[in-house]
């Protein structure tokens, strides 16, 4: 969820959103990073003036080669690729 980015675009802070919801900033963070209810999502979207679907970041397809295994961090959602470490070139020449 990219609520923080939308809030910044709207000139709002997470603390302001939390205050309007009647909860603490920590409570808002916990609600959004856990498993938010539809009611919470609707309330946040209404405060931001956006549809609920805008609260979810657009996931771009990884721009890596399909023959390279890729993973997504379950905590931050950022993608990364795995690389195989080959033997050192010098060692290959000596054989």
Protein backbone atom coordinates (compact mmCIF):
# COMPACT_ATOMS: atom_id res chain seq x y z
CA UNK A 1 0.00 0.00 0.00
CA UNK A 2 1.31 3.42 -0.88
CA UNK A 3 -0.77 5.59 1.45
CA UNK A 4 2.24 7.66 2.51
CA UNK A 5 3.05 8.70 -1.06
CA UNK A 6 -0.57 9.65 -1.76
CA UNK A 7 -0.73 11.60 1.50
CA UNK A 8 2.43 13.52 0.50
CA UNK A 9 0.91 14.33 -2.89
CA UNK A 10 -2.19 15.64 -1.12
CA UNK A 11 -0.09 17.71 1.30
CA UNK A 12 -1.02 15.58 4.30
CA UNK A 13 0.94 13.68 6.91
CA UNK A 14 0.17 10.27 8.31
CA UNK A 15 -0.38 11.96 11.67
CA UNK A 16 -3.09 14.18 10.17
CA UNK A 17 -4.83 11.16 8.67
CA UNK A 18 -4.62 9.31 12.00
CA UNK A 19 -6.07 12.32 13.84
CA UNK A 20 -9.01 12.46 11.46
CA UNK A 21 -9.60 8.75 12.05
CA UNK A 22 -9.40 9.28 15.82
CA UNK A 23 -6.40 7.00 16.26
CA UNK A 24 -2.68 7.44 16.85
CA UNK A 25 -0.11 7.55 14.06
CA UNK A 26 1.23 4.22 15.36
CA UNK A 27 -2.28 2.77 15.30
CA UNK A 28 -2.70 3.87 11.69
CA UNK A 29 0.64 2.37 10.73
CA UNK A 30 -0.23 -0.91 12.44
CA UNK A 31 -3.64 -1.02 10.75
CA UNK A 32 -2.24 -0.36 7.27
CA UNK A 33 0.79 -2.63 7.56
CA UNK A 34 -1.20 -5.51 8.98
CA UNK A 35 -4.43 -6.66 7.47
CA UNK A 36 -6.55 -3.49 7.19
CA UNK A 37 -10.31 -3.77 7.20
CA UNK A 38 -12.34 -2.51 4.28
CA UNK A 39 -13.80 0.09 6.64
CA UNK A 40 -10.31 1.42 7.43
CA UNK A 41 -9.35 1.48 3.75
CA UNK A 42 -12.54 3.31 2.82
CA UNK A 43 -12.02 5.85 5.60
CA UNK A 44 -8.41 6.54 4.59
CA UNK A 45 -9.38 6.80 0.92
CA UNK A 46 -12.17 9.23 1.79
CA UNK A 47 -9.80 11.43 3.83
CA UNK A 48 -7.34 11.46 0.93
CA UNK A 49 -10.07 12.01 -1.64
CA UNK A 50 -9.12 9.00 -3.73
CA UNK A 51 -10.77 5.68 -4.62
CA UNK A 52 -9.77 2.74 -2.41
CA UNK A 53 -7.97 1.15 -5.36
CA UNK A 54 -5.52 4.08 -5.43
CA UNK A 55 -4.21 3.02 -2.03
CA UNK A 56 -2.56 0.01 -3.60
CA UNK A 57 0.73 0.69 -5.36
CA UNK A 58 0.89 -0.30 -9.01
CA UNK A 59 3.13 -3.29 -9.20
CA UNK A 60 5.34 -3.06 -12.27
CA UNK A 61 6.58 -6.19 -13.91
CA UNK A 62 10.23 -6.71 -13.05
CA UNK A 63 12.47 -5.40 -15.82
CA UNK A 64 14.88 -8.28 -15.47
CA UNK A 65 15.57 -11.04 -17.88
CA UNK A 66 13.15 -13.91 -17.42
CA UNK A 67 16.06 -16.36 -17.12
CA UNK A 68 17.23 -14.67 -13.89
CA UNK A 69 15.33 -15.72 -10.76
CA UNK A 70 13.72 -12.73 -9.04
CA UNK A 71 12.16 -12.29 -5.62
CA UNK A 72 10.12 -9.65 -3.85
CA UNK A 73 10.86 -8.64 -0.26
CA UNK A 74 7.77 -9.49 1.83
CA UNK A 75 8.45 -6.50 4.11
CA UNK A 76 9.00 -3.60 1.71
CA UNK A 77 7.73 -5.00 -1.61
CA UNK A 78 10.93 -4.17 -3.50
CA UNK A 79 12.13 -6.64 -6.07
CA UNK A 80 15.63 -7.99 -6.34
CA UNK A 81 17.36 -10.47 -8.56
CA UNK A 82 19.45 -13.44 -7.60
CA UNK A 83 22.81 -13.90 -9.21
CA UNK A 84 24.99 -16.94 -9.35
CA UNK A 85 28.57 -16.37 -8.30
CA UNK A 86 30.79 -18.05 -10.84
CA UNK A 87 34.23 -19.40 -10.13
CA UNK A 88 36.95 -16.84 -10.46
CA UNK A 89 38.19 -16.51 -14.06
CA UNK A 90 41.81 -17.06 -12.99
CA UNK A 91 41.00 -20.43 -11.44
CA UNK A 92 39.25 -21.58 -14.63
CA UNK A 93 42.31 -20.74 -16.77
CA UNK A 94 44.72 -22.66 -14.56
CA UNK A 95 42.94 -25.98 -15.16
